Amino acid sequence: MEETKRILFIGDSLTEWFDLGKYFSDISILNEGIAGDTTYGVLERIDGIMANPADKIFLMIGINDIFNGYPKEDIIENLQLIIEEIQTQSIESELIIQNLLPVNEHMLGSPNHLNKIIRHINENLKEHCQARGIINLNLYSSFLSGDQLDRKYTTDGGHLSEEGYALWAEKIHAFLPGGRKA
């Protein structure tokens, strides 16, 4: 009898509020998303997270770091440290790094050019993943309308709507054994 595959998701509120069972009911998924979490928070709890072995690990973290005004180079460094820790502690796991999603700056009332920062971080993540032979799943462009997070995919400019979660599920479907499209 084949062993059940375990899937682990690590992230912030976007991950925590992702009803993975709705889209992937036949898969054992552990959701380690915590609303408001940052790269610093994941680094603090990484040992506990890695105590639960998984066949595949999906990571998306960093948007709250941007919202909190942390320097983008610190965010990039923390992401690299998280990736290194996951690879060190879970050698057998397949790691899938999901790029940060865009935000809708108009809905957020933010003139801070957040998407420019997000694109910079995503480009660095892509390069880091290429150098380490890690899957880098570019979700960013799929959620855009013009240069902003499409309003149909968000409830408030940063969090996802049901339609946004359905799109995310569709984009990760190929990476999950037995997953079904919404």
Foldseek 3Di string as FASTA:
>chain_A
DDDAFEEEEAEEPQQVVQPVCVFFVPHHYDGRYYHLDALVNCVVCVVVSLVDAGQEYEYDHHLSCVVVPPDLVVRLVSVLVSVVSCCVSHVNHAYEYEQYAFFACVLVVHPPPSLVSSVVSLVSVVVSCVVVVHHYQYPHVVQDDPSARPPQQDDRRHHGDPVVSLVVSVSCVVVDPRTHHD
